[in-house]
Amino acid sequence: MLVLVALAAAIVGGIYAWWSRPQAEPLAPPPPISGPSPAGVVDTTRPRPSQATEVTVHVTGKVRKPGVVSLPQGSRVTDAVQAAGGVRKGAAPGPLNLARRLIDGEQIVVGSPAHAAPAVPSTTGPSVDPAAVLDLNTATPEQLEQLPGVGEVLARRITEYRDSHGGFQRVEQLRDVSGIGDRKYADIKDKVRV
């Protein structure tokens, strides 16, 4: 009789062990790798950093379809004119620099007289009169390019220096910008202020 009780206990224990064994559950897919992607592999699962991927400009004047157009970041004035249908037949673009990069929010006037400057958004600073003195803390890269010996690259360095140092405190700080030596500083020091 004791043997039967032991046998019954062993069977019940076996059945209990069988039912209480762990069950395999499906795993969730692994999260995307947060490190850099291997060369040549584009990660489309992660959102890109918040960068402006478009510029929006107002094209007016002697174009076929004046209005507001949105273009990819890095587009040029010529791209904006083409997006507005191109220059009207018999008209000329005027003094526009068609190779200049677009600034978000600016107005491009096609066919304006030579003395008129293109309108630039008020948040980027005033337009440049050649005789005016530029404020180093508010001038746009395009305005800085109008200084003697300052091109696109040097204008960008000046604005990067301004942004990384909290603005210019003195005009003499221009000497700290890479690419501005004594001669170039002498050429532009009287044309700028802080």
N, C-alpha and C. Protein backbone atom coordinates (compact mmCIF):
# COMPACT_ATOMS: atom_id res chain seq x y z
N MET A 1 0.81 -1.16 0.00
CA MET A 1 0.00 0.00 0.00
C MET A 1 0.88 1.26 0.00
N LEU A 2 1.89 1.24 0.76
CA LEU A 2 2.82 2.35 0.81
C LEU A 2 3.46 2.56 -0.56
N VAL A 3 3.69 1.50 -1.27
CA VAL A 3 4.29 1.58 -2.61
C VAL A 3 3.31 2.26 -3.55
N LEU A 4 2.01 1.98 -3.45
CA LEU A 4 1.01 2.60 -4.30
C LEU A 4 0.90 4.10 -4.02
N VAL A 5 0.96 4.50 -2.78
CA VAL A 5 0.90 5.91 -2.43
C VAL A 5 2.12 6.63 -2.98
N ALA A 6 3.29 6.00 -2.88
CA ALA A 6 4.52 6.60 -3.41
C ALA A 6 4.43 6.71 -4.92
N LEU A 7 3.88 5.67 -5.59
CA LEU A 7 3.74 5.68 -7.05
C LEU A 7 2.75 6.76 -7.46
N ALA A 8 1.64 6.92 -6.75
CA ALA A 8 0.65 7.95 -7.05
C ALA A 8 1.27 9.34 -6.85
N ALA A 9 2.04 9.52 -5.79
CA ALA A 9 2.70 10.80 -5.52
C ALA A 9 3.70 11.12 -6.63
N ALA A 10 4.43 10.12 -7.11
CA ALA A 10 5.40 10.33 -8.18
C ALA A 10 4.69 10.73 -9.47
N ILE A 11 3.54 10.12 -9.76
CA ILE A 11 2.79 10.44 -10.98
C ILE A 11 2.23 11.87 -10.88
N VAL A 12 1.65 12.23 -9.76
CA VAL A 12 1.10 13.57 -9.58
C VAL A 12 2.23 14.60 -9.65
N GLY A 13 3.36 14.30 -9.03
CA GLY A 13 4.51 15.21 -9.08
C GLY A 13 5.02 15.37 -10.50
N GLY A 14 5.05 14.28 -11.27
CA GLY A 14 5.48 14.35 -12.67
C GLY A 14 4.55 15.20 -13.52
N ILE A 15 3.23 15.01 -13.31
CA ILE A 15 2.25 15.80 -14.07
C ILE A 15 2.37 17.28 -13.70
N TYR A 16 2.55 17.57 -12.41
CA TYR A 16 2.70 18.95 -11.97
C TYR A 16 3.96 19.58 -12.58
N ALA A 17 5.05 18.84 -12.57
CA ALA A 17 6.30 19.33 -13.16
C ALA A 17 6.13 19.58 -14.65
N TRP A 18 5.39 18.71 -15.34
CA TRP A 18 5.17 18.86 -16.78
C TRP A 18 4.38 20.14 -17.07
N TRP A 19 3.33 20.42 -16.32
CA TRP A 19 2.50 21.60 -16.55
C TRP A 19 3.17 22.90 -16.11
N SER A 20 4.04 22.85 -15.17
CA SER A 20 4.66 24.07 -14.67
C SER A 20 6.00 24.40 -15.34
N ARG A 21 6.35 23.65 -16.37
CA ARG A 21 7.62 23.95 -17.06
C ARG A 21 7.50 25.30 -17.78
N PRO A 22 8.60 26.01 -17.97
CA PRO A 22 8.55 27.34 -18.63
C PRO A 22 8.15 27.21 -20.10
N GLN A 23 7.36 28.17 -20.57
CA GLN A 23 6.92 28.19 -21.96
C GLN A 23 7.73 29.26 -22.71
N ALA A 24 8.13 28.94 -23.93
CA ALA A 24 8.87 29.90 -24.75
C ALA A 24 7.91 30.97 -25.26
N GLU A 25 8.30 32.26 -25.11
CA GLU A 25 7.50 33.37 -25.60
C GLU A 25 8.29 34.07 -26.69
N PRO A 26 7.60 34.56 -27.73
CA PRO A 26 8.32 35.26 -28.80
C PRO A 26 8.93 36.56 -28.26
N LEU A 27 10.12 36.90 -28.77
CA LEU A 27 10.81 38.11 -28.35
C LEU A 27 10.45 39.27 -29.28
N ALA A 28 10.47 40.46 -28.71
CA ALA A 28 10.26 41.67 -29.52
C ALA A 28 11.49 41.89 -30.38
N PRO A 29 11.35 42.53 -31.56
CA PRO A 29 12.52 42.80 -32.38
C PRO A 29 13.49 43.71 -31.63
N PRO A 30 14.79 43.56 -31.86
CA PRO A 30 15.76 44.38 -31.14
C PRO A 30 15.66 45.84 -31.57
N PRO A 31 15.99 46.77 -30.66
CA PRO A 31 15.97 48.20 -31.02
C PRO A 31 17.07 48.49 -32.03
N PRO A 32 16.93 49.57 -32.84
CA PRO A 32 17.97 49.92 -33.81
C PRO A 32 19.26 50.27 -33.10
N ILE A 33 20.35 50.01 -33.75
CA ILE A 33 21.67 50.32 -33.21
C ILE A 33 21.83 51.83 -33.21
N SER A 34 22.30 52.39 -32.09
CA SER A 34 22.39 53.84 -32.00
C SER A 34 23.74 54.37 -32.41
N GLY A 35 24.69 53.53 -32.72
CA GLY A 35 26.01 53.97 -33.14
C GLY A 35 26.00 54.36 -34.60
N PRO A 36 27.19 54.75 -35.12
CA PRO A 36 27.27 55.14 -36.53
C PRO A 36 27.02 53.94 -37.43
N SER A 37 26.41 54.22 -38.59
CA SER A 37 26.14 53.16 -39.56
C SER A 37 27.42 52.75 -40.26
N PRO A 38 27.53 51.46 -40.63
CA PRO A 38 28.69 51.06 -41.40
C PRO A 38 28.71 51.82 -42.72
N ALA A 39 29.90 51.97 -43.29
CA ALA A 39 30.05 52.71 -44.53
C ALA A 39 29.15 52.13 -45.62
N GLY A 40 28.44 53.01 -46.30
CA GLY A 40 27.61 52.59 -47.42
C GLY A 40 26.22 52.12 -47.01
N VAL A 41 25.93 52.03 -45.70
CA VAL A 41 24.62 51.57 -45.25
C VAL A 41 23.84 52.77 -44.75
N VAL A 42 22.64 52.98 -45.27
CA VAL A 42 21.80 54.10 -44.87
C VAL A 42 20.76 53.59 -43.89
N ASP A 43 20.69 54.21 -42.73
CA ASP A 43 19.73 53.82 -41.70
C ASP A 43 18.47 54.64 -41.90
N THR A 44 17.43 54.01 -42.41
CA THR A 44 16.17 54.72 -42.65
C THR A 44 15.20 54.57 -41.49
N THR A 45 15.56 53.79 -40.45
CA THR A 45 14.65 53.58 -39.33
C THR A 45 14.70 54.72 -38.33
N ARG A 46 15.84 55.39 -38.24
CA ARG A 46 15.97 56.49 -37.28
C ARG A 46 15.63 57.81 -37.93
N PRO A 47 14.95 58.70 -37.19
CA PRO A 47 14.72 60.03 -37.75
C PRO A 47 16.03 60.79 -37.79
N ARG A 48 16.17 61.63 -38.77
CA ARG A 48 17.38 62.44 -38.91
C ARG A 48 17.36 63.55 -37.86
N PRO A 49 18.53 64.10 -37.53
CA PRO A 49 18.54 65.21 -36.59
C PRO A 49 17.71 66.36 -37.13
N SER A 50 17.19 67.19 -36.25
CA SER A 50 16.31 68.25 -36.70
C SER A 50 17.12 69.32 -37.41
N GLN A 51 17.16 69.24 -38.71
CA GLN A 51 17.82 70.22 -39.54
C GLN A 51 16.80 70.71 -40.55
N ALA A 52 16.97 71.94 -40.94
CA ALA A 52 16.10 72.44 -41.99
C ALA A 52 16.52 71.76 -43.29
N THR A 53 15.59 71.05 -43.90
CA THR A 53 15.90 70.38 -45.15
C THR A 53 15.40 71.17 -46.33
N GLU A 54 14.66 72.24 -46.07
CA GLU A 54 14.14 73.07 -47.14
C GLU A 54 14.31 74.53 -46.79
N VAL A 55 14.35 75.35 -47.83
CA VAL A 55 14.29 76.79 -47.66
C VAL A 55 13.05 77.28 -48.40
N THR A 56 12.38 78.25 -47.84
CA THR A 56 11.19 78.81 -48.46
C THR A 56 11.49 80.27 -48.77
N VAL A 57 11.31 80.65 -50.05
CA VAL A 57 11.61 82.01 -50.48
C VAL A 57 10.45 82.57 -51.30
N HIS A 58 10.38 83.88 -51.35
CA HIS A 58 9.36 84.57 -52.15
C HIS A 58 10.04 85.11 -53.41
N VAL A 59 9.61 84.62 -54.57
CA VAL A 59 10.17 85.07 -55.84
C VAL A 59 9.16 85.99 -56.49
N THR A 60 9.59 87.21 -56.80
CA THR A 60 8.69 88.20 -57.39
C THR A 60 9.41 88.94 -58.50
N GLY A 61 8.70 89.81 -59.17
CA GLY A 61 9.30 90.58 -60.25
C GLY A 61 8.99 89.97 -61.60
N LYS A 62 9.97 89.97 -62.47
CA LYS A 62 9.76 89.55 -63.86
C LYS A 62 9.94 88.04 -64.05
N VAL A 63 9.10 87.27 -63.36
CA VAL A 63 9.07 85.81 -63.52
C VAL A 63 7.68 85.40 -63.98
N ARG A 64 7.58 84.21 -64.55
CA ARG A 64 6.30 83.75 -65.10
C ARG A 64 5.28 83.43 -64.02
N LYS A 65 5.72 82.84 -62.90
CA LYS A 65 4.79 82.46 -61.82
C LYS A 65 5.33 82.97 -60.48
N PRO A 66 5.17 84.29 -60.20
CA PRO A 66 5.67 84.79 -58.92
C PRO A 66 4.93 84.15 -57.75
N GLY A 67 5.64 84.01 -56.65
CA GLY A 67 5.02 83.46 -55.45
C GLY A 67 6.05 82.84 -54.53
N VAL A 68 5.55 82.12 -53.54
CA VAL A 68 6.40 81.47 -52.54
C VAL A 68 6.74 80.06 -53.02
N VAL A 69 8.04 79.71 -52.99
CA VAL A 69 8.48 78.38 -53.40
C VAL A 69 9.35 77.78 -52.31
N SER A 70 9.28 76.46 -52.17
CA SER A 70 10.12 75.72 -51.23
C SER A 70 11.09 74.87 -52.03
N LEU A 71 12.36 74.93 -51.66
CA LEU A 71 13.42 74.22 -52.37
C LEU A 71 14.31 73.51 -51.35
N PRO A 72 15.09 72.50 -51.80
CA PRO A 72 15.99 71.81 -50.88
C PRO A 72 17.07 72.76 -50.33
N GLN A 73 17.48 72.52 -49.11
CA GLN A 73 18.56 73.28 -48.47
C GLN A 73 19.78 73.26 -49.39
N GLY A 74 20.44 74.39 -49.56
CA GLY A 74 21.62 74.48 -50.41
C GLY A 74 21.30 74.91 -51.83
N SER A 75 20.01 75.15 -52.14
CA SER A 75 19.64 75.59 -53.48
C SER A 75 20.16 77.00 -53.73
N ARG A 76 20.27 77.34 -55.01
CA ARG A 76 20.79 78.64 -55.42
C ARG A 76 19.65 79.54 -55.92
N VAL A 77 19.96 80.81 -56.12
CA VAL A 77 18.96 81.75 -56.62
C VAL A 77 18.42 81.29 -57.96
N THR A 78 19.28 80.75 -58.82
CA THR A 78 18.83 80.28 -60.13
C THR A 78 17.77 79.19 -60.00
N ASP A 79 17.88 78.33 -58.96
CA ASP A 79 16.87 77.29 -58.74
C ASP A 79 15.52 77.90 -58.37
N ALA A 80 15.55 78.97 -57.56
CA ALA A 80 14.31 79.64 -57.16
C ALA A 80 13.64 80.32 -58.36
N VAL A 81 14.45 80.93 -59.23
CA VAL A 81 13.91 81.59 -60.42
C VAL A 81 13.27 80.54 -61.33
N GLN A 82 13.92 79.40 -61.49
CA GLN A 82 13.36 78.32 -62.33
C GLN A 82 12.08 77.76 -61.71
N ALA A 83 12.04 77.64 -60.39
CA ALA A 83 10.84 77.13 -59.72
C ALA A 83 9.66 78.09 -59.89
N ALA A 84 9.96 79.37 -60.12
CA ALA A 84 8.90 80.36 -60.34
C ALA A 84 8.60 80.50 -61.84
N GLY A 85 8.98 79.54 -62.63
CA GLY A 85 8.66 79.53 -64.05
C GLY A 85 9.71 80.17 -64.94
N GLY A 86 10.78 80.67 -64.36
CA GLY A 86 11.83 81.29 -65.14
C GLY A 86 11.55 82.76 -65.40
N VAL A 87 12.54 83.45 -65.97
CA VAL A 87 12.42 84.87 -66.28
C VAL A 87 11.45 85.03 -67.46
N ARG A 88 10.58 86.05 -67.38
CA ARG A 88 9.62 86.31 -68.46
C ARG A 88 10.35 86.61 -69.76
N LYS A 89 9.72 86.28 -70.86
CA LYS A 89 10.29 86.50 -72.19
C LYS A 89 10.59 87.99 -72.38
N GLY A 90 11.80 88.27 -72.82
CA GLY A 90 12.21 89.64 -73.06
C GLY A 90 12.73 90.36 -71.83
N ALA A 91 12.68 89.74 -70.68
CA ALA A 91 13.16 90.37 -69.44
C ALA A 91 14.55 89.83 -69.09
N ALA A 92 15.26 90.56 -68.27
CA ALA A 92 16.58 90.14 -67.80
C ALA A 92 16.50 89.98 -66.28
N PRO A 93 17.34 89.10 -65.70
CA PRO A 93 17.28 88.90 -64.25
C PRO A 93 17.74 90.10 -63.44
N GLY A 94 18.38 91.05 -64.08
CA GLY A 94 18.87 92.21 -63.34
C GLY A 94 20.18 91.89 -62.64
N PRO A 95 20.47 92.57 -61.55
CA PRO A 95 21.76 92.41 -60.88
C PRO A 95 21.83 91.19 -59.96
N LEU A 96 20.89 90.27 -60.08
CA LEU A 96 20.89 89.10 -59.19
C LEU A 96 22.15 88.26 -59.36
N ASN A 97 22.67 87.79 -58.26
CA ASN A 97 23.75 86.80 -58.29
C ASN A 97 23.06 85.43 -58.31
N LEU A 98 22.92 84.87 -59.50
CA LEU A 98 22.18 83.62 -59.65
C LEU A 98 22.87 82.44 -58.97
N ALA A 99 24.15 82.56 -58.67
CA ALA A 99 24.89 81.46 -58.04
C ALA A 99 24.85 81.51 -56.52
N ARG A 100 24.28 82.56 -55.93
CA ARG A 100 24.25 82.69 -54.47
C ARG A 100 23.30 81.68 -53.86
N ARG A 101 23.70 81.13 -52.69
CA ARG A 101 22.83 80.20 -51.97
C ARG A 101 21.66 80.95 -51.36
N LEU A 102 20.51 80.28 -51.31
CA LEU A 102 19.30 80.89 -50.78
C LEU A 102 19.32 80.95 -49.25
N ILE A 103 18.65 81.97 -48.72
CA ILE A 103 18.45 82.12 -47.28
C ILE A 103 16.97 81.91 -47.03
N ASP A 104 16.64 81.09 -46.05
CA ASP A 104 15.23 80.83 -45.75
C ASP A 104 14.52 82.12 -45.39
N GLY A 105 13.38 82.36 -46.05
CA GLY A 105 12.55 83.52 -45.75
C GLY A 105 12.87 84.76 -46.56
N GLU A 106 13.84 84.72 -47.45
CA GLU A 106 14.19 85.92 -48.19
C GLU A 106 13.27 86.15 -49.38
N GLN A 107 13.30 87.36 -49.92
CA GLN A 107 12.55 87.70 -51.12
C GLN A 107 13.55 87.95 -52.24
N ILE A 108 13.28 87.35 -53.40
CA ILE A 108 14.14 87.51 -54.57
C ILE A 108 13.36 88.31 -55.60
N VAL A 109 13.87 89.49 -55.94
CA VAL A 109 13.22 90.35 -56.91
C VAL A 109 13.96 90.20 -58.23
N VAL A 110 13.29 89.63 -59.22
CA VAL A 110 13.90 89.39 -60.52
C VAL A 110 13.65 90.58 -61.43
N GLY A 111 14.72 91.10 -62.05
CA GLY A 111 14.59 92.20 -62.99
C GLY A 111 14.52 93.56 -62.33
N SER A 112 14.96 93.67 -61.09
CA SER A 112 14.93 94.96 -60.41
C SER A 112 16.05 95.84 -60.94
N PRO A 113 15.93 97.16 -60.83
CA PRO A 113 17.00 98.05 -61.28
C PRO A 113 18.29 97.76 -60.51
N ALA A 114 19.41 98.14 -61.10
CA ALA A 114 20.73 97.81 -60.54
C ALA A 114 20.94 98.39 -59.15
N HIS A 115 20.29 99.52 -58.82
CA HIS A 115 20.54 100.13 -57.51
C HIS A 115 19.72 99.49 -56.39
N ALA A 116 18.73 98.69 -56.74
CA ALA A 116 17.90 98.07 -55.70
C ALA A 116 18.56 96.80 -55.18
N ALA A 117 18.60 96.65 -53.88
CA ALA A 117 19.18 95.45 -53.27
C ALA A 117 18.06 94.45 -53.02
N PRO A 118 18.34 93.14 -53.11
CA PRO A 118 17.30 92.16 -52.82
C PRO A 118 16.88 92.24 -51.36
N ALA A 119 15.59 92.03 -51.12
CA ALA A 119 15.07 92.09 -49.75
C ALA A 119 15.50 90.85 -48.99
N VAL A 120 15.98 91.06 -47.77
CA VAL A 120 16.42 89.98 -46.91
C VAL A 120 15.54 90.01 -45.67
N PRO A 121 15.18 88.85 -45.11
CA PRO A 121 14.32 88.87 -43.93
C PRO A 121 14.91 89.73 -42.82
N SER A 122 14.01 90.40 -42.09
CA SER A 122 14.46 91.33 -41.06
C SER A 122 15.19 90.62 -39.93
N THR A 123 14.98 89.32 -39.74
CA THR A 123 15.66 88.61 -38.66
C THR A 123 17.13 88.40 -38.95
N THR A 124 17.55 88.56 -40.20
CA THR A 124 18.96 88.33 -40.52
C THR A 124 19.75 89.62 -40.57
N GLY A 125 19.10 90.77 -40.37
CA GLY A 125 19.83 92.02 -40.35
C GLY A 125 19.47 92.89 -41.53
N PRO A 126 19.97 94.11 -41.55
CA PRO A 126 19.63 95.05 -42.60
C PRO A 126 20.35 94.74 -43.90
N SER A 127 19.79 95.27 -45.02
CA SER A 127 20.48 95.11 -46.29
C SER A 127 21.69 96.04 -46.29
N VAL A 128 22.64 95.75 -47.17
CA VAL A 128 23.92 96.45 -47.12
C VAL A 128 23.98 97.56 -48.16
N ASP A 129 24.28 98.76 -47.69
CA ASP A 129 24.61 99.87 -48.55
C ASP A 129 26.14 99.85 -48.60
N PRO A 130 26.74 99.91 -49.81
CA PRO A 130 28.20 99.81 -49.90
C PRO A 130 28.93 100.81 -49.01
N ALA A 131 28.34 101.97 -48.74
CA ALA A 131 29.00 102.97 -47.91
C ALA A 131 28.71 102.75 -46.42
N ALA A 132 27.77 101.87 -46.10
CA ALA A 132 27.38 101.65 -44.70
C ALA A 132 28.43 100.81 -43.97
N VAL A 133 28.42 100.95 -42.65
CA VAL A 133 29.31 100.17 -41.79
C VAL A 133 28.49 98.99 -41.28
N LEU A 134 29.00 97.76 -41.47
CA LEU A 134 28.28 96.55 -41.06
C LEU A 134 28.46 96.27 -39.58
N ASP A 135 27.40 95.83 -38.95
CA ASP A 135 27.48 95.36 -37.57
C ASP A 135 27.86 93.88 -37.61
N LEU A 136 29.01 93.55 -37.05
CA LEU A 136 29.49 92.16 -37.08
C LEU A 136 28.55 91.19 -36.38
N ASN A 137 27.73 91.67 -35.48
CA ASN A 137 26.85 90.78 -34.72
C ASN A 137 25.49 90.56 -35.38
N THR A 138 25.17 91.32 -36.43
CA THR A 138 23.88 91.12 -37.09
C THR A 138 23.99 90.86 -38.59
N ALA A 139 25.14 91.07 -39.17
CA ALA A 139 25.31 90.92 -40.63
C ALA A 139 25.16 89.46 -41.05
N THR A 140 24.51 89.25 -42.18
CA THR A 140 24.38 87.91 -42.75
C THR A 140 25.66 87.55 -43.48
N PRO A 141 25.89 86.26 -43.76
CA PRO A 141 27.07 85.89 -44.55
C PRO A 141 27.09 86.61 -45.90
N GLU A 142 25.94 86.78 -46.54
CA GLU A 142 25.89 87.46 -47.83
C GLU A 142 26.32 88.92 -47.71
N GLN A 143 25.94 89.57 -46.62
CA GLN A 143 26.35 90.95 -46.40
C GLN A 143 27.85 91.02 -46.13
N LEU A 144 28.36 90.07 -45.36
CA LEU A 144 29.80 90.05 -45.07
C LEU A 144 30.62 89.82 -46.34
N GLU A 145 30.07 89.08 -47.31
CA GLU A 145 30.78 88.83 -48.57
C GLU A 145 31.01 90.11 -49.35
N GLN A 146 30.28 91.18 -49.05
CA GLN A 146 30.47 92.44 -49.75
C GLN A 146 31.65 93.24 -49.21
N LEU A 147 32.26 92.77 -48.13
CA LEU A 147 33.46 93.42 -47.60
C LEU A 147 34.65 93.08 -48.50
N PRO A 148 35.64 93.96 -48.59
CA PRO A 148 36.79 93.70 -49.45
C PRO A 148 37.55 92.44 -49.03
N GLY A 149 37.74 91.54 -49.98
CA GLY A 149 38.52 90.33 -49.73
C GLY A 149 37.79 89.25 -48.97
N VAL A 150 36.49 89.41 -48.73
CA VAL A 150 35.72 88.40 -47.99
C VAL A 150 34.83 87.65 -48.96
N GLY A 151 35.05 86.34 -49.05
CA GLY A 151 34.23 85.49 -49.90
C GLY A 151 33.29 84.65 -49.05
N GLU A 152 32.68 83.66 -49.70
CA GLU A 152 31.69 82.81 -49.02
C GLU A 152 32.30 82.07 -47.83
N VAL A 153 33.49 81.52 -48.02
CA VAL A 153 34.12 80.72 -46.95
C VAL A 153 34.48 81.60 -45.76
N LEU A 154 35.11 82.74 -46.02
CA LEU A 154 35.51 83.62 -44.92
C LEU A 154 34.30 84.22 -44.21
N ALA A 155 33.25 84.54 -44.96
CA ALA A 155 32.03 85.06 -44.34
C ALA A 155 31.43 84.01 -43.41
N ARG A 156 31.46 82.74 -43.83
CA ARG A 156 30.95 81.67 -42.99
C ARG A 156 31.81 81.52 -41.73
N ARG A 157 33.13 81.66 -41.86
CA ARG A 157 34.01 81.57 -40.68
C ARG A 157 33.71 82.69 -39.69
N ILE A 158 33.46 83.89 -40.21
CA ILE A 158 33.15 85.02 -39.33
C ILE A 158 31.86 84.74 -38.56
N THR A 159 30.82 84.26 -39.24
CA THR A 159 29.56 83.99 -38.54
C THR A 159 29.70 82.82 -37.58
N GLU A 160 30.51 81.81 -37.93
CA GLU A 160 30.73 80.69 -37.01
C GLU A 160 31.46 81.16 -35.77
N TYR A 161 32.46 82.04 -35.94
CA TYR A 161 33.18 82.59 -34.79
C TYR A 161 32.21 83.37 -33.91
N ARG A 162 31.38 84.20 -34.55
CA ARG A 162 30.39 85.01 -33.81
C ARG A 162 29.46 84.11 -33.00
N ASP A 163 28.94 83.04 -33.64
CA ASP A 163 28.00 82.15 -32.97
C ASP A 163 28.65 81.37 -31.83
N SER A 164 29.90 80.95 -32.03
CA SER A 164 30.55 80.13 -31.00
C SER A 164 31.12 80.96 -29.85
N HIS A 165 31.29 82.27 -30.03
CA HIS A 165 31.84 83.12 -28.97
C HIS A 165 30.82 84.09 -28.39
N GLY A 166 29.54 83.90 -28.71
CA GLY A 166 28.51 84.77 -28.17
C GLY A 166 28.54 86.18 -28.73
N GLY A 167 29.03 86.32 -29.95
CA GLY A 167 29.07 87.63 -30.61
C GLY A 167 30.44 88.27 -30.47
N PHE A 168 30.61 89.35 -31.20
CA PHE A 168 31.86 90.11 -31.15
C PHE A 168 31.72 91.19 -30.09
N GLN A 169 32.73 91.35 -29.25
CA GLN A 169 32.76 92.42 -28.25
C GLN A 169 33.55 93.61 -28.79
N ARG A 170 34.56 93.32 -29.64
CA ARG A 170 35.42 94.35 -30.23
C ARG A 170 35.70 93.97 -31.68
N VAL A 171 35.90 94.95 -32.53
CA VAL A 171 36.23 94.72 -33.94
C VAL A 171 37.55 93.96 -34.04
N GLU A 172 38.47 94.19 -33.11
CA GLU A 172 39.79 93.55 -33.14
C GLU A 172 39.70 92.03 -33.07
N GLN A 173 38.57 91.50 -32.59
CA GLN A 173 38.41 90.04 -32.52
C GLN A 173 38.39 89.41 -33.90
N LEU A 174 38.21 90.19 -34.95
CA LEU A 174 38.27 89.65 -36.31
C LEU A 174 39.62 88.99 -36.58
N ARG A 175 40.66 89.47 -35.92
CA ARG A 175 41.99 88.88 -36.12
C ARG A 175 42.05 87.42 -35.64
N ASP A 176 41.11 87.02 -34.77
CA ASP A 176 41.07 85.65 -34.27
C ASP A 176 40.42 84.69 -35.27
N VAL A 177 39.76 85.23 -36.30
CA VAL A 177 39.10 84.40 -37.30
C VAL A 177 40.13 83.87 -38.27
N SER A 178 40.12 82.57 -38.49
CA SER A 178 41.06 81.94 -39.41
C SER A 178 40.89 82.53 -40.81
N GLY A 179 41.98 83.01 -41.40
CA GLY A 179 41.94 83.56 -42.75
C GLY A 179 42.00 85.09 -42.77
N ILE A 180 41.93 85.72 -41.61
CA ILE A 180 42.03 87.19 -41.57
C ILE A 180 43.39 87.55 -40.98
N GLY A 181 44.25 88.00 -41.86
CA GLY A 181 45.58 88.45 -41.44
C GLY A 181 45.61 89.95 -41.26
N ASP A 182 46.80 90.50 -41.06
CA ASP A 182 46.93 91.94 -40.81
C ASP A 182 46.43 92.76 -41.99
N ARG A 183 46.78 92.36 -43.21
CA ARG A 183 46.39 93.14 -44.39
C ARG A 183 44.87 93.14 -44.57
N LYS A 184 44.26 91.95 -44.49
CA LYS A 184 42.80 91.87 -44.67
C LYS A 184 42.08 92.62 -43.54
N TYR A 185 42.60 92.50 -42.33
CA TYR A 185 42.01 93.22 -41.20
C TYR A 185 42.06 94.73 -41.45
N ALA A 186 43.20 95.22 -41.96
CA ALA A 186 43.34 96.64 -42.25
C ALA A 186 42.34 97.08 -43.31
N ASP A 187 42.05 96.21 -44.28
CA ASP A 187 41.11 96.55 -45.36
C ASP A 187 39.66 96.65 -44.87
N ILE A 188 39.29 95.82 -43.87
CA ILE A 188 37.88 95.78 -43.49
C ILE A 188 37.55 96.41 -42.13
N LYS A 189 38.54 96.76 -41.31
CA LYS A 189 38.26 97.22 -39.96
C LYS A 189 37.42 98.49 -39.92
N ASP A 190 37.55 99.39 -40.91
CA ASP A 190 36.78 100.63 -40.91
C ASP A 190 35.38 100.44 -41.51
N LYS A 191 35.11 99.26 -42.06
CA LYS A 191 33.82 98.99 -42.69
C LYS A 191 32.90 98.16 -41.79
N VAL A 192 33.37 97.86 -40.57
CA VAL A 192 32.57 97.05 -39.63
C VAL A 192 32.57 97.70 -38.25
N ARG A 193 31.57 97.30 -37.47
CA ARG A 193 31.46 97.78 -36.09
C ARG A 193 30.82 96.68 -35.25
N VAL A 194 30.77 96.86 -33.91
CA VAL A 194 30.07 95.93 -33.02
C VAL A 194 29.04 96.70 -32.22
